[in-house]
Amino acid sequence: MAGLFNTTAFRIAEQGINVMAQSNRVIQQNIANADTAGYKTKYLFFEGVLRDRIGVSQSAKYKKELSLGTALFVDKRTKGQPDGNNVDNDTQQALFVKNRIRYDALVNQLNAEFELLRTAMRRG
């Protein structure tokens, strides 16, 4: 039965949801520190890492090697407030909404995969 959930679609959705949760924590940390002197905005990147992993996976012998990775970037270049803080609340709110849309899409993907399995089990 465990093999039913060991597909590329399930692994990507599961790992993607984990990455979205990580990203959400980073965004929340930024918003919470918007008034903290000297705080520098952090960003969690995964799109490029995802593309790299998919490229590796497609050329790999076994697709089980697919895993999503992330890279945390601290923005030390963007000028902000006189106290050294560079958090832009509007940007963080927009990133939060974008992250939520991605999260919802991944949950919908998992639900669709589960529905396919239920349909297959009913017919089988």
PDB file of N, CA and C in Angstrom:
ATOM      1  N   MET A   1       0.812  -1.193   0.000  1.00  0.00           N
ATOM      2  CA  MET A   1       0.000   0.000   0.000  1.00  0.00           C
ATOM      3  C   MET A   1       0.859   1.262   0.000  1.00  0.00           C
ATOM      4  N   ALA A   2       2.032   1.212   0.629  1.00  0.00           N
ATOM      5  CA  ALA A   2       2.899   2.393   0.680  1.00  0.00           C
ATOM      6  C   ALA A   2       3.332   2.819  -0.712  1.00  0.00           C
ATOM      7  N   GLY A   3       3.412   1.878  -1.648  1.00  0.00           N
ATOM      8  CA  GLY A   3       3.803   2.200  -3.008  1.00  0.00           C
ATOM      9  C   GLY A   3       2.814   3.101  -3.719  1.00  0.00           C
ATOM     10  N   LEU A   4       1.552   3.070  -3.292  1.00  0.00           N
ATOM     11  CA  LEU A   4       0.545   3.933  -3.896  1.00  0.00           C
ATOM     12  C   LEU A   4       0.877   5.413  -3.723  1.00  0.00           C
ATOM     13  N   PHE A   5       1.530   5.737  -2.638  1.00  0.00           N
ATOM     14  CA  PHE A   5       1.840   7.128  -2.337  1.00  0.00           C
ATOM     15  C   PHE A   5       3.271   7.497  -2.687  1.00  0.00           C
ATOM     16  N   ASN A   6       3.989   6.585  -3.299  1.00  0.00           N
ATOM     17  CA  ASN A   6       5.381   6.827  -3.653  1.00  0.00           C
ATOM     18  C   ASN A   6       5.497   7.183  -5.130  1.00  0.00           C
ATOM     19  N   THR A   7       4.700   8.143  -5.540  1.00  0.00           N
ATOM     20  CA  THR A   7       4.749   8.608  -6.918  1.00  0.00           C
ATOM     21  C   THR A   7       5.383   9.992  -6.942  1.00  0.00           C
ATOM     22  N   THR A   8       5.843  10.394  -8.104  1.00  0.00           N
ATOM     23  CA  THR A   8       6.444  11.719  -8.239  1.00  0.00           C
ATOM     24  C   THR A   8       5.457  12.807  -7.847  1.00  0.00           C
ATOM     25  N   ALA A   9       4.202  12.679  -8.272  1.00  0.00           N
ATOM     26  CA  ALA A   9       3.193  13.707  -7.957  1.00  0.00           C
ATOM     27  C   ALA A   9       2.992  13.838  -6.448  1.00  0.00           C
ATOM     28  N   PHE A  10       2.901  12.714  -5.752  1.00  0.00           N
ATOM     29  CA  PHE A  10       2.732  12.768  -4.299  1.00  0.00           C
ATOM     30  C   PHE A  10       3.957  13.371  -3.627  1.00  0.00           C
ATOM     31  N   ARG A  11       5.140  12.953  -4.049  1.00  0.00           N
ATOM     32  CA  ARG A  11       6.359  13.453  -3.424  1.00  0.00           C
ATOM     33  C   ARG A  11       6.517  14.953  -3.652  1.00  0.00           C
ATOM     34  N   ILE A  12       6.259  15.411  -4.856  1.00  0.00           N
ATOM     35  CA  ILE A  12       6.378  16.845  -5.136  1.00  0.00           C
ATOM     36  C   ILE A  12       5.358  17.630  -4.323  1.00  0.00           C
ATOM     37  N   ALA A  13       4.122  17.164  -4.283  1.00  0.00           N
ATOM     38  CA  ALA A  13       3.089  17.867  -3.521  1.00  0.00           C
ATOM     39  C   ALA A  13       3.427  17.889  -2.033  1.00  0.00           C
ATOM     40  N   GLU A  14       3.832  16.750  -1.499  1.00  0.00           N
ATOM     41  CA  GLU A  14       4.170  16.673  -0.080  1.00  0.00           C
ATOM     42  C   GLU A  14       5.337  17.602   0.259  1.00  0.00           C
ATOM     43  N   GLN A  15       6.393  17.525  -0.522  1.00  0.00           N
ATOM     44  CA  GLN A  15       7.555  18.364  -0.266  1.00  0.00           C
ATOM     45  C   GLN A  15       7.234  19.835  -0.523  1.00  0.00           C
ATOM     46  N   GLY A  16       6.415  20.092  -1.525  1.00  0.00           N
ATOM     47  CA  GLY A  16       6.007  21.460  -1.810  1.00  0.00           C
ATOM     48  C   GLY A  16       5.237  22.074  -0.663  1.00  0.00           C
ATOM     49  N   ILE A  17       4.350  21.305  -0.057  1.00  0.00           N
ATOM     50  CA  ILE A  17       3.594  21.792   1.096  1.00  0.00           C
ATOM     51  C   ILE A  17       4.552  22.105   2.244  1.00  0.00           C
ATOM     52  N   ASN A  18       5.550  21.262   2.441  1.00  0.00           N
ATOM     53  CA  ASN A  18       6.553  21.534   3.481  1.00  0.00           C
ATOM     54  C   ASN A  18       7.321  22.819   3.192  1.00  0.00           C
ATOM     55  N   VAL A  19       7.688  23.029   1.929  1.00  0.00           N
ATOM     56  CA  VAL A  19       8.406  24.245   1.547  1.00  0.00           C
ATOM     57  C   VAL A  19       7.510  25.475   1.747  1.00  0.00           C
ATOM     58  N   MET A  20       6.230  25.351   1.394  1.00  0.00           N
ATOM     59  CA  MET A  20       5.306  26.473   1.591  1.00  0.00           C
ATOM     60  C   MET A  20       5.182  26.803   3.079  1.00  0.00           C
ATOM     61  N   ALA A  21       5.182  25.790   3.928  1.00  0.00           N
ATOM     62  CA  ALA A  21       5.118  26.022   5.372  1.00  0.00           C
ATOM     63  C   ALA A  21       6.374  26.748   5.847  1.00  0.00           C
ATOM     64  N   GLN A  22       7.542  26.330   5.347  1.00  0.00           N
ATOM     65  CA  GLN A  22       8.794  27.013   5.680  1.00  0.00           C
ATOM     66  C   GLN A  22       8.743  28.463   5.215  1.00  0.00           C
ATOM     67  N   SER A  23       8.302  28.665   3.995  1.00  0.00           N
ATOM     68  CA  SER A  23       8.213  30.006   3.433  1.00  0.00           C
ATOM     69  C   SER A  23       7.275  30.872   4.256  1.00  0.00           C
ATOM     70  N   ASN A  24       6.171  30.308   4.673  1.00  0.00           N
ATOM     71  CA  ASN A  24       5.205  31.033   5.494  1.00  0.00           C
ATOM     72  C   ASN A  24       5.839  31.477   6.808  1.00  0.00           C
ATOM     73  N   ARG A  25       6.647  30.605   7.422  1.00  0.00           N
ATOM     74  CA  ARG A  25       7.316  30.967   8.676  1.00  0.00           C
ATOM     75  C   ARG A  25       8.296  32.129   8.465  1.00  0.00           C
ATOM     76  N   VAL A  26       9.016  32.113   7.341  1.00  0.00           N
ATOM     77  CA  VAL A  26       9.966  33.195   7.043  1.00  0.00           C
ATOM     78  C   VAL A  26       9.217  34.515   6.850  1.00  0.00           C
ATOM     79  N   ILE A  27       8.126  34.476   6.093  1.00  0.00           N
ATOM     80  CA  ILE A  27       7.328  35.684   5.852  1.00  0.00           C
ATOM     81  C   ILE A  27       6.755  36.209   7.172  1.00  0.00           C
ATOM     82  N   GLN A  28       6.235  35.315   7.995  1.00  0.00           N
ATOM     83  CA  GLN A  28       5.688  35.730   9.291  1.00  0.00           C
ATOM     84  C   GLN A  28       6.770  36.352  10.176  1.00  0.00           C
ATOM     85  N   GLN A  29       7.966  35.783  10.119  1.00  0.00           N
ATOM     86  CA  GLN A  29       9.083  36.337  10.883  1.00  0.00           C
ATOM     87  C   GLN A  29       9.406  37.751  10.400  1.00  0.00           C
ATOM     88  N   ASN A  30       9.393  37.947   9.078  1.00  0.00           N
ATOM     89  CA  ASN A  30       9.650  39.280   8.530  1.00  0.00           C
ATOM     90  C   ASN A  30       8.599  40.277   9.012  1.00  0.00           C
ATOM     91  N   ILE A  31       7.340  39.891   8.911  1.00  0.00           N
ATOM     92  CA  ILE A  31       6.249  40.788   9.320  1.00  0.00           C
ATOM     93  C   ILE A  31       6.362  41.098  10.814  1.00  0.00           C
ATOM     94  N   ALA A  32       6.652  40.094  11.620  1.00  0.00           N
ATOM     95  CA  ALA A  32       6.767  40.286  13.062  1.00  0.00           C
ATOM     96  C   ALA A  32       7.925  41.218  13.431  1.00  0.00           C
ATOM     97  N   ASN A  33       8.944  41.270  12.590  1.00  0.00           N
ATOM     98  CA  ASN A  33      10.120  42.098  12.870  1.00  0.00           C
ATOM     99  C   ASN A  33      10.143  43.394  12.075  1.00  0.00           C
ATOM    100  N   ALA A  34       9.008  43.804  11.551  1.00  0.00           N
ATOM    101  CA  ALA A  34       8.945  45.021  10.725  1.00  0.00           C
ATOM    102  C   ALA A  34       9.374  46.269  11.495  1.00  0.00           C
ATOM    103  N   ASP A  35       9.264  46.257  12.799  1.00  0.00           N
ATOM    104  CA  ASP A  35       9.643  47.416  13.606  1.00  0.00           C
ATOM    105  C   ASP A  35      10.913  47.176  14.420  1.00  0.00           C
ATOM    106  N   THR A  36      11.623  46.102  14.125  1.00  0.00           N
ATOM    107  CA  THR A  36      12.845  45.776  14.862  1.00  0.00           C
ATOM    108  C   THR A  36      14.035  46.459  14.199  1.00  0.00           C
ATOM    109  N   ALA A  37      14.690  47.315  14.933  1.00  0.00           N
ATOM    110  CA  ALA A  37      15.838  48.044  14.394  1.00  0.00           C
ATOM    111  C   ALA A  37      16.917  47.074  13.916  1.00  0.00           C
ATOM    112  N   GLY A  38      17.423  47.322  12.718  1.00  0.00           N
ATOM    113  CA  GLY A  38      18.512  46.518  12.174  1.00  0.00           C
ATOM    114  C   GLY A  38      18.101  45.195  11.563  1.00  0.00           C
ATOM    115  N   TYR A  39      16.835  44.837  11.650  1.00  0.00           N
ATOM    116  CA  TYR A  39      16.386  43.552  11.093  1.00  0.00           C
ATOM    117  C   TYR A  39      16.449  43.606   9.568  1.00  0.00           C
ATOM    118  N   LYS A  40      16.957  42.558   8.974  1.00  0.00           N
ATOM    119  CA  LYS A  40      17.049  42.449   7.514  1.00  0.00           C
ATOM    120  C   LYS A  40      16.058  41.401   7.023  1.00  0.00           C
ATOM    121  N   THR A  41      15.344  41.747   5.972  1.00  0.00           N
ATOM    122  CA  THR A  41      14.337  40.861   5.384  1.00  0.00           C
ATOM    123  C   THR A  41      14.983  39.574   4.902  1.00  0.00           C
ATOM    124  N   LYS A  42      14.277  38.470   5.121  1.00  0.00           N
ATOM    125  CA  LYS A  42      14.734  37.154   4.659  1.00  0.00           C
ATOM    126  C   LYS A  42      13.753  36.643   3.612  1.00  0.00           C
ATOM    127  N   TYR A  43      14.294  35.927   2.653  1.00  0.00           N
ATOM    128  CA  TYR A  43      13.482  35.315   1.610  1.00  0.00           C
ATOM    129  C   TYR A  43      13.874  33.855   1.478  1.00  0.00           C
ATOM    130  N   LEU A  44      12.899  33.004   1.286  1.00  0.00           N
ATOM    131  CA  LEU A  44      13.151  31.586   1.057  1.00  0.00           C
ATOM    132  C   LEU A  44      12.945  31.318  -0.424  1.00  0.00           C
ATOM    133  N   PHE A  45      14.003  30.926  -1.095  1.00  0.00           N
ATOM    134  CA  PHE A  45      13.915  30.622  -2.517  1.00  0.00           C
ATOM    135  C   PHE A  45      13.837  29.120  -2.710  1.00  0.00           C
ATOM    136  N   PHE A  46      12.977  28.707  -3.626  1.00  0.00           N
ATOM    137  CA  PHE A  46      12.891  27.284  -3.932  1.00  0.00           C
ATOM    138  C   PHE A  46      12.597  27.036  -5.396  1.00  0.00           C
ATOM    139  N   GLU A  47      12.134  28.037  -6.142  1.00  0.00           N
ATOM    140  CA  GLU A  47      11.796  27.802  -7.548  1.00  0.00           C
ATOM    141  C   GLU A  47      12.999  27.307  -8.346  1.00  0.00           C
ATOM    142  N   GLY A  48      14.115  28.014  -8.228  1.00  0.00           N
ATOM    143  CA  GLY A  48      15.316  27.605  -8.935  1.00  0.00           C
ATOM    144  C   GLY A  48      15.814  26.258  -8.460  1.00  0.00           C
ATOM    145  N   VAL A  49      15.706  26.027  -7.165  1.00  0.00           N
ATOM    146  CA  VAL A  49      16.118  24.751  -6.599  1.00  0.00           C
ATOM    147  C   VAL A  49      15.205  23.650  -7.126  1.00  0.00           C
ATOM    148  N   LEU A  50      13.900  23.937  -7.231  1.00  0.00           N
ATOM    149  CA  LEU A  50      12.953  22.964  -7.771  1.00  0.00           C
ATOM    150  C   LEU A  50      13.302  22.623  -9.213  1.00  0.00           C
ATOM    151  N   ARG A  51      13.569  23.625 -10.038  1.00  0.00           N
ATOM    152  CA  ARG A  51      13.935  23.368 -11.436  1.00  0.00           C
ATOM    153  C   ARG A  51      15.196  22.513 -11.517  1.00  0.00           C
ATOM    154  N   ASP A  52      16.187  22.848 -10.683  1.00  0.00           N
ATOM    155  CA  ASP A  52      17.420  22.059 -10.659  1.00  0.00           C
ATOM    156  C   ASP A  52      17.141  20.619 -10.273  1.00  0.00           C
ATOM    157  N   ARG A  53      16.303  20.419  -9.250  1.00  0.00           N
ATOM    158  CA  ARG A  53      15.996  19.066  -8.783  1.00  0.00           C
ATOM    159  C   ARG A  53      15.237  18.275  -9.851  1.00  0.00           C
ATOM    160  N   ILE A  54      14.299  18.922 -10.522  1.00  0.00           N
ATOM    161  CA  ILE A  54      13.546  18.229 -11.566  1.00  0.00           C
ATOM    162  C   ILE A  54      14.480  17.833 -12.702  1.00  0.00           C
ATOM    163  N   GLY A  55      15.394  18.711 -13.069  1.00  0.00           N
ATOM    164  CA  GLY A  55      16.373  18.385 -14.108  1.00  0.00           C
ATOM    165  C   GLY A  55      17.229  17.202 -13.709  1.00  0.00           C
ATOM    166  N   VAL A  56      17.668  17.191 -12.457  1.00  0.00           N
ATOM    167  CA  VAL A  56      18.464  16.067 -11.952  1.00  0.00           C
ATOM    168  C   VAL A  56      17.615  14.808 -11.954  1.00  0.00           C
ATOM    169  N   SER A  57      16.372  14.932 -11.510  1.00  0.00           N
ATOM    170  CA  SER A  57      15.495  13.775 -11.413  1.00  0.00           C
ATOM    171  C   SER A  57      15.229  13.156 -12.778  1.00  0.00           C
ATOM    172  N   GLN A  58      15.004  14.008 -13.779  1.00  0.00           N
ATOM    173  CA  GLN A  58      14.693  13.478 -15.100  1.00  0.00           C
ATOM    174  C   GLN A  58      15.878  12.748 -15.711  1.00  0.00           C
ATOM    175  N   SER A  59      17.074  13.157 -15.326  1.00  0.00           N
ATOM    176  CA  SER A  59      18.242  12.470 -15.861  1.00  0.00           C
ATOM    177  C   SER A  59      18.708  11.347 -14.930  1.00  0.00           C
ATOM    178  N   ALA A  60      18.126  11.280 -13.748  1.00  0.00           N
ATOM    179  CA  ALA A  60      18.534  10.259 -12.777  1.00  0.00           C
ATOM    180  C   ALA A  60      17.940   8.910 -13.144  1.00  0.00           C
ATOM    181  N   LYS A  61      18.574   7.876 -12.639  1.00  0.00           N
ATOM    182  CA  LYS A  61      18.128   6.515 -12.903  1.00  0.00           C
ATOM    183  C   LYS A  61      16.780   6.250 -12.243  1.00  0.00           C
ATOM    184  N   TYR A  62      16.608   6.723 -11.018  1.00  0.00           N
ATOM    185  CA  TYR A  62      15.376   6.508 -10.277  1.00  0.00           C
ATOM    186  C   TYR A  62      14.778   7.846  -9.881  1.00  0.00           C
ATOM    187  N   LYS A  63      13.506   8.025 -10.145  1.00  0.00           N
ATOM    188  CA  LYS A  63      12.850   9.289  -9.816  1.00  0.00           C
ATOM    189  C   LYS A  63      12.653   9.459  -8.308  1.00  0.00           C
ATOM    190  N   LYS A  64      12.912   8.423  -7.534  1.00  0.00           N
ATOM    191  CA  LYS A  64      12.802   8.537  -6.086  1.00  0.00           C
ATOM    192  C   LYS A  64      13.782   9.570  -5.543  1.00  0.00           C
ATOM    193  N   GLU A  65      14.791   9.934  -6.318  1.00  0.00           N
ATOM    194  CA  GLU A  65      15.804  10.871  -5.858  1.00  0.00           C
ATOM    195  C   GLU A  65      15.307  12.311  -5.863  1.00  0.00           C
ATOM    196  N   LEU A  66      14.117  12.559  -6.385  1.00  0.00           N
ATOM    197  CA  LEU A  66      13.578  13.905  -6.449  1.00  0.00           C
ATOM    198  C   LEU A  66      13.309  14.437  -5.050  1.00  0.00           C
ATOM    199  N   SER A  67      13.870  15.569  -4.753  1.00  0.00           N
ATOM    200  CA  SER A  67      13.570  16.235  -3.488  1.00  0.00           C
ATOM    201  C   SER A  67      13.705  17.728  -3.700  1.00  0.00           C
ATOM    202  N   LEU A  68      12.837  18.464  -3.045  1.00  0.00           N
ATOM    203  CA  LEU A  68      12.868  19.908  -3.157  1.00  0.00           C
ATOM    204  C   LEU A  68      13.863  20.468  -2.160  1.00  0.00           C
ATOM    205  N   GLY A  69      14.546  21.487  -2.561  1.00  0.00           N
ATOM    206  CA  GLY A  69      15.475  22.151  -1.662  1.00  0.00           C
ATOM    207  C   GLY A  69      15.128  23.619  -1.566  1.00  0.00           C
ATOM    208  N   THR A  70      15.678  24.261  -0.573  1.00  0.00           N
ATOM    209  CA  THR A  70      15.424  25.674  -0.377  1.00  0.00           C
ATOM    210  C   THR A  70      16.739  26.385  -0.109  1.00  0.00           C
ATOM    211  N   ALA A  71      16.710  27.674  -0.312  1.00  0.00           N
ATOM    212  CA  ALA A  71      17.860  28.501  -0.002  1.00  0.00           C
ATOM    213  C   ALA A  71      17.342  29.759   0.687  1.00  0.00           C
ATOM    214  N   LEU A  72      17.872  30.066   1.862  1.00  0.00           N
ATOM    215  CA  LEU A  72      17.465  31.252   2.598  1.00  0.00           C
ATOM    216  C   LEU A  72      18.393  32.397   2.231  1.00  0.00           C
ATOM    217  N   PHE A  73      17.800  33.507   1.848  1.00  0.00           N
ATOM    218  CA  PHE A  73      18.553  34.688   1.436  1.00  0.00           C
ATOM    219  C   PHE A  73      18.225  35.825   2.391  1.00  0.00           C
ATOM    220  N   VAL A  74      19.252  36.467   2.935  1.00  0.00           N
ATOM    221  CA  VAL A  74      19.066  37.640   3.793  1.00  0.00           C
ATOM    222  C   VAL A  74      19.388  38.864   2.942  1.00  0.00           C
ATOM    223  N   ASP A  75      18.416  39.754   2.811  1.00  0.00           N
ATOM    224  CA  ASP A  75      18.563  40.942   1.972  1.00  0.00           C
ATOM    225  C   ASP A  75      19.326  42.027   2.729  1.00  0.00           C
ATOM    226  N   LYS A  76      20.611  42.130   2.469  1.00  0.00           N
ATOM    227  CA  LYS A  76      21.445  43.135   3.120  1.00  0.00           C
ATOM    228  C   LYS A  76      21.677  44.342   2.217  1.00  0.00           C
ATOM    229  N   ARG A  77      21.191  44.276   0.981  1.00  0.00           N
ATOM    230  CA  ARG A  77      21.452  45.342   0.014  1.00  0.00           C
ATOM    231  C   ARG A  77      20.366  46.399  -0.032  1.00  0.00           C
ATOM    232  N   THR A  78      19.119  45.989   0.162  1.00  0.00           N
ATOM    233  CA  THR A  78      18.013  46.930   0.053  1.00  0.00           C
ATOM    234  C   THR A  78      18.052  47.915   1.217  1.00  0.00           C
ATOM    235  N   LYS A  79      18.022  49.190   0.861  1.00  0.00           N
ATOM    236  CA  LYS A  79      17.987  50.231   1.888  1.00  0.00           C
ATOM    237  C   LYS A  79      16.580  50.318   2.435  1.00  0.00           C
ATOM    238  N   GLY A  80      16.489  50.563   3.687  1.00  0.00           N
ATOM    239  CA  GLY A  80      15.179  50.645   4.324  1.00  0.00           C
ATOM    240  C   GLY A  80      15.053  51.891   5.156  1.00  0.00           C
ATOM    241  N   GLN A  81      14.645  51.685   6.352  1.00  0.00           N
ATOM    242  CA  GLN A  81      14.418  52.771   7.286  1.00  0.00           C
ATOM    243  C   GLN A  81      15.744  53.240   7.896  1.00  0.00           C
ATOM    244  N   PRO A  82      15.754  54.419   8.473  1.00  0.00           N
ATOM    245  CA  PRO A  82      16.989  54.924   9.100  1.00  0.00           C
ATOM    246  C   PRO A  82      17.548  54.006  10.184  1.00  0.00           C
ATOM    247  N   ASP A  83      16.689  53.181  10.808  1.00  0.00           N
ATOM    248  CA  ASP A  83      17.168  52.281  11.864  1.00  0.00           C
ATOM    249  C   ASP A  83      17.791  51.002  11.312  1.00  0.00           C
ATOM    250  N   GLY A  84      17.879  50.882   9.974  1.00  0.00           N
ATOM    251  CA  GLY A  84      18.507  49.727   9.357  1.00  0.00           C
ATOM    252  C   GLY A  84      17.554  48.610   8.990  1.00  0.00           C
ATOM    253  N   ASN A  85      16.310  48.715   9.384  1.00  0.00           N
ATOM    254  CA  ASN A  85      15.308  47.706   9.044  1.00  0.00           C
ATOM    255  C   ASN A  85      14.877  47.908   7.590  1.00  0.00           C
ATOM    256  N   ASN A  86      14.781  46.813   6.826  1.00  0.00           N
ATOM    257  CA  ASN A  86      14.385  46.948   5.421  1.00  0.00           C
ATOM    258  C   ASN A  86      13.145  46.115   5.057  1.00  0.00           C
ATOM    259  N   VAL A  87      12.313  45.812   6.040  1.00  0.00           N
ATOM    260  CA  VAL A  87      11.081  45.060   5.793  1.00  0.00           C
ATOM    261  C   VAL A  87      10.043  45.986   5.176  1.00  0.00           C
ATOM    262  N   ASP A  88       9.502  45.585   4.035  1.00  0.00           N
ATOM    263  CA  ASP A  88       8.400  46.298   3.394  1.00  0.00           C
ATOM    264  C   ASP A  88       7.144  45.469   3.628  1.00  0.00           C
ATOM    265  N   ASN A  89       6.267  45.968   4.498  1.00  0.00           N
ATOM    266  CA  ASN A  89       5.071  45.205   4.860  1.00  0.00           C
ATOM    267  C   ASN A  89       4.198  44.871   3.664  1.00  0.00           C
ATOM    268  N   ASP A  90       4.051  45.797   2.720  1.00  0.00           N
ATOM    269  CA  ASP A  90       3.224  45.528   1.538  1.00  0.00           C
ATOM    270  C   ASP A  90       3.784  44.354   0.739  1.00  0.00           C
ATOM    271  N   THR A  91       5.091  44.330   0.577  1.00  0.00           N
ATOM    272  CA  THR A  91       5.738  43.225  -0.150  1.00  0.00           C
ATOM    273  C   THR A  91       5.536  41.914   0.592  1.00  0.00           C
ATOM    274  N   GLN A  92       5.690  41.939   1.894  1.00  0.00           N
ATOM    275  CA  GLN A  92       5.540  40.716   2.688  1.00  0.00           C
ATOM    276  C   GLN A  92       4.104  40.203   2.651  1.00  0.00           C
ATOM    277  N   GLN A  93       3.136  41.113   2.701  1.00  0.00           N
ATOM    278  CA  GLN A  93       1.731  40.703   2.616  1.00  0.00           C
ATOM    279  C   GLN A  93       1.443  40.064   1.254  1.00  0.00           C
ATOM    280  N   ALA A  94       1.998  40.666   0.192  1.00  0.00           N
ATOM    281  CA  ALA A  94       1.806  40.100  -1.149  1.00  0.00           C
ATOM    282  C   ALA A  94       2.451  38.718  -1.251  1.00  0.00           C
ATOM    283  N   LEU A  95       3.635  38.560  -0.682  1.00  0.00           N
ATOM    284  CA  LEU A  95       4.297  37.252  -0.681  1.00  0.00           C
ATOM    285  C   LEU A  95       3.496  36.235   0.119  1.00  0.00           C
ATOM    286  N   PHE A  96       2.895  36.685   1.201  1.00  0.00           N
ATOM    287  CA  PHE A  96       2.071  35.799   2.017  1.00  0.00           C
ATOM    288  C   PHE A  96       0.886  35.268   1.206  1.00  0.00           C
ATOM    289  N   VAL A  97       0.222  36.164   0.463  1.00  0.00           N
ATOM    290  CA  VAL A  97      -0.923  35.765  -0.369  1.00  0.00           C
ATOM    291  C   VAL A  97      -0.464  34.817  -1.477  1.00  0.00           C
ATOM    292  N   LYS A  98       0.640  35.142  -2.129  1.00  0.00           N
ATOM    293  CA  LYS A  98       1.185  34.288  -3.198  1.00  0.00           C
ATOM    294  C   LYS A  98       1.520  32.899  -2.643  1.00  0.00           C
ATOM    295  N   ASN A  99       2.116  32.862  -1.472  1.00  0.00           N
ATOM    296  CA  ASN A  99       2.463  31.606  -0.827  1.00  0.00           C
ATOM    297  C   ASN A  99       1.205  30.791  -0.528  1.00  0.00           C
ATOM    298  N   ARG A 100       0.154  31.462  -0.073  1.00  0.00           N
ATOM    299  CA  ARG A 100      -1.097  30.777   0.246  1.00  0.00           C
ATOM    300  C   ARG A 100      -1.731  30.181  -1.006  1.00  0.00           C
ATOM    301  N   ILE A 101      -1.665  30.902  -2.108  1.00  0.00           N
ATOM    302  CA  ILE A 101      -2.210  30.388  -3.375  1.00  0.00           C
ATOM    303  C   ILE A 101      -1.452  29.134  -3.797  1.00  0.00           C
ATOM    304  N   ARG A 102      -0.142  29.162  -3.676  1.00  0.00           N
ATOM    305  CA  ARG A 102       0.663  27.984  -4.020  1.00  0.00           C
ATOM    306  C   ARG A 102       0.335  26.806  -3.105  1.00  0.00           C
ATOM    307  N   TYR A 103       0.217  27.096  -1.818  1.00  0.00           N
ATOM    308  CA  TYR A 103      -0.119  26.060  -0.850  1.00  0.00           C
ATOM    309  C   TYR A 103      -1.461  25.420  -1.206  1.00  0.00           C
ATOM    310  N   ASP A 104      -2.455  26.257  -1.469  1.00  0.00           N
ATOM    311  CA  ASP A 104      -3.780  25.739  -1.828  1.00  0.00           C
ATOM    312  C   ASP A 104      -3.724  24.899  -3.102  1.00  0.00           C
ATOM    313  N   ALA A 105      -2.925  25.326  -4.073  1.00  0.00           N
ATOM    314  CA  ALA A 105      -2.785  24.558  -5.311  1.00  0.00           C
ATOM    315  C   ALA A 105      -2.187  23.181  -5.041  1.00  0.00           C
ATOM    316  N   LEU A 106      -1.202  23.119  -4.167  1.00  0.00           N
ATOM    317  CA  LEU A 106      -0.590  21.828  -3.831  1.00  0.00           C
ATOM    318  C   LEU A 106      -1.561  20.924  -3.073  1.00  0.00           C
ATOM    319  N   VAL A 107      -2.334  21.501  -2.175  1.00  0.00           N
ATOM    320  CA  VAL A 107      -3.341  20.714  -1.457  1.00  0.00           C
ATOM    321  C   VAL A 107      -4.381  20.189  -2.450  1.00  0.00           C
ATOM    322  N   ASN A 108      -4.795  21.026  -3.393  1.00  0.00           N
ATOM    323  CA  ASN A 108      -5.735  20.581  -4.426  1.00  0.00           C
ATOM    324  C   ASN A 108      -5.144  19.460  -5.265  1.00  0.00           C
ATOM    325  N   GLN A 109      -3.849  19.558  -5.556  1.00  0.00           N
ATOM    326  CA  GLN A 109      -3.172  18.502  -6.312  1.00  0.00           C
ATOM    327  C   GLN A 109      -3.200  17.183  -5.540  1.00  0.00           C
ATOM    328  N   LEU A 110      -2.901  17.248  -4.256  1.00  0.00           N
ATOM    329  CA  LEU A 110      -2.953  16.037  -3.434  1.00  0.00           C
ATOM    330  C   LEU A 110      -4.364  15.467  -3.385  1.00  0.00           C
ATOM    331  N   ASN A 111      -5.346  16.330  -3.227  1.00  0.00           N
ATOM    332  CA  ASN A 111      -6.727  15.862  -3.209  1.00  0.00           C
ATOM    333  C   ASN A 111      -7.104  15.190  -4.522  1.00  0.00           C
ATOM    334  N   ALA A 112      -6.647  15.720  -5.637  1.00  0.00           N
ATOM    335  CA  ALA A 112      -6.923  15.106  -6.935  1.00  0.00           C
ATOM    336  C   ALA A 112      -6.258  13.733  -7.045  1.00  0.00           C
ATOM    337  N   GLU A 113      -5.041  13.617  -6.522  1.00  0.00           N
ATOM    338  CA  GLU A 113      -4.343  12.325  -6.529  1.00  0.00           C
ATOM    339  C   GLU A 113      -5.096  11.305  -5.671  1.00  0.00           C
ATOM    340  N   PHE A 114      -5.568  11.731  -4.508  1.00  0.00           N
ATOM    341  CA  PHE A 114      -6.349  10.838  -3.653  1.00  0.00           C
ATOM    342  C   PHE A 114      -7.645  10.415  -4.337  1.00  0.00           C
ATOM    343  N   GLU A 115      -8.282  11.334  -5.031  1.00  0.00           N
ATOM    344  CA  GLU A 115      -9.525  11.011  -5.730  1.00  0.00           C
ATOM    345  C   GLU A 115      -9.259   9.984  -6.836  1.00  0.00           C
ATOM    346  N   LEU A 116      -8.152  10.113  -7.547  1.00  0.00           N
ATOM    347  CA  LEU A 116      -7.785   9.113  -8.564  1.00  0.00           C
ATOM    348  C   LEU A 116      -7.605   7.736  -7.930  1.00  0.00           C
ATOM    349  N   LEU A 117      -6.955   7.700  -6.772  1.00  0.00           N
ATOM    350  CA  LEU A 117      -6.762   6.424  -6.087  1.00  0.00           C
ATOM    351  C   LEU A 117      -8.095   5.836  -5.626  1.00  0.00           C
ATOM    352  N   ARG A 118      -8.971   6.670  -5.078  1.00  0.00           N
ATOM    353  CA  ARG A 118     -10.290   6.179  -4.651  1.00  0.00           C
ATOM    354  C   ARG A 118     -11.069   5.615  -5.833  1.00  0.00           C
ATOM    355  N   THR A 119     -11.016   6.316  -6.957  1.00  0.00           N
ATOM    356  CA  THR A 119     -11.711   5.848  -8.154  1.00  0.00           C
ATOM    357  C   THR A 119     -11.143   4.512  -8.626  1.00  0.00           C
ATOM    358  N   ALA A 120      -9.829   4.392  -8.625  1.00  0.00           N
ATOM    359  CA  ALA A 120      -9.191   3.152  -9.048  1.00  0.00           C
ATOM    360  C   ALA A 120      -9.547   1.992  -8.115  1.00  0.00           C
ATOM    361  N   MET A 121      -9.615   2.264  -6.826  1.00  0.00           N
ATOM    362  CA  MET A 121      -9.943   1.209  -5.868  1.00  0.00           C
ATOM    363  C   MET A 121     -11.405   0.764  -5.990  1.00  0.00           C
ATOM    364  N   ARG A 122     -12.285   1.696  -6.281  1.00  0.00           N
ATOM    365  CA  ARG A 122     -13.701   1.344  -6.451  1.00  0.00           C
ATOM    366  C   ARG A 122     -13.914   0.485  -7.687  1.00  0.00           C
ATOM    367  N   ARG A 123     -13.161   0.768  -8.731  1.00  0.00           N
ATOM    368  CA  ARG A 123     -13.333   0.037 -10.000  1.00  0.00           C
ATOM    369  C   ARG A 123     -12.572  -1.284  -9.976  1.00  0.00           C
ATOM    370  N   GLY A 124     -11.544  -1.358  -9.142  1.00  0.00           N
ATOM    371  CA  GLY A 124     -10.685  -2.547  -9.116  1.00  0.00           C
ATOM    372  C   GLY A 124     -11.239  -3.596  -8.273  1.00  0.00           C
TER     373      GLY A 124
END
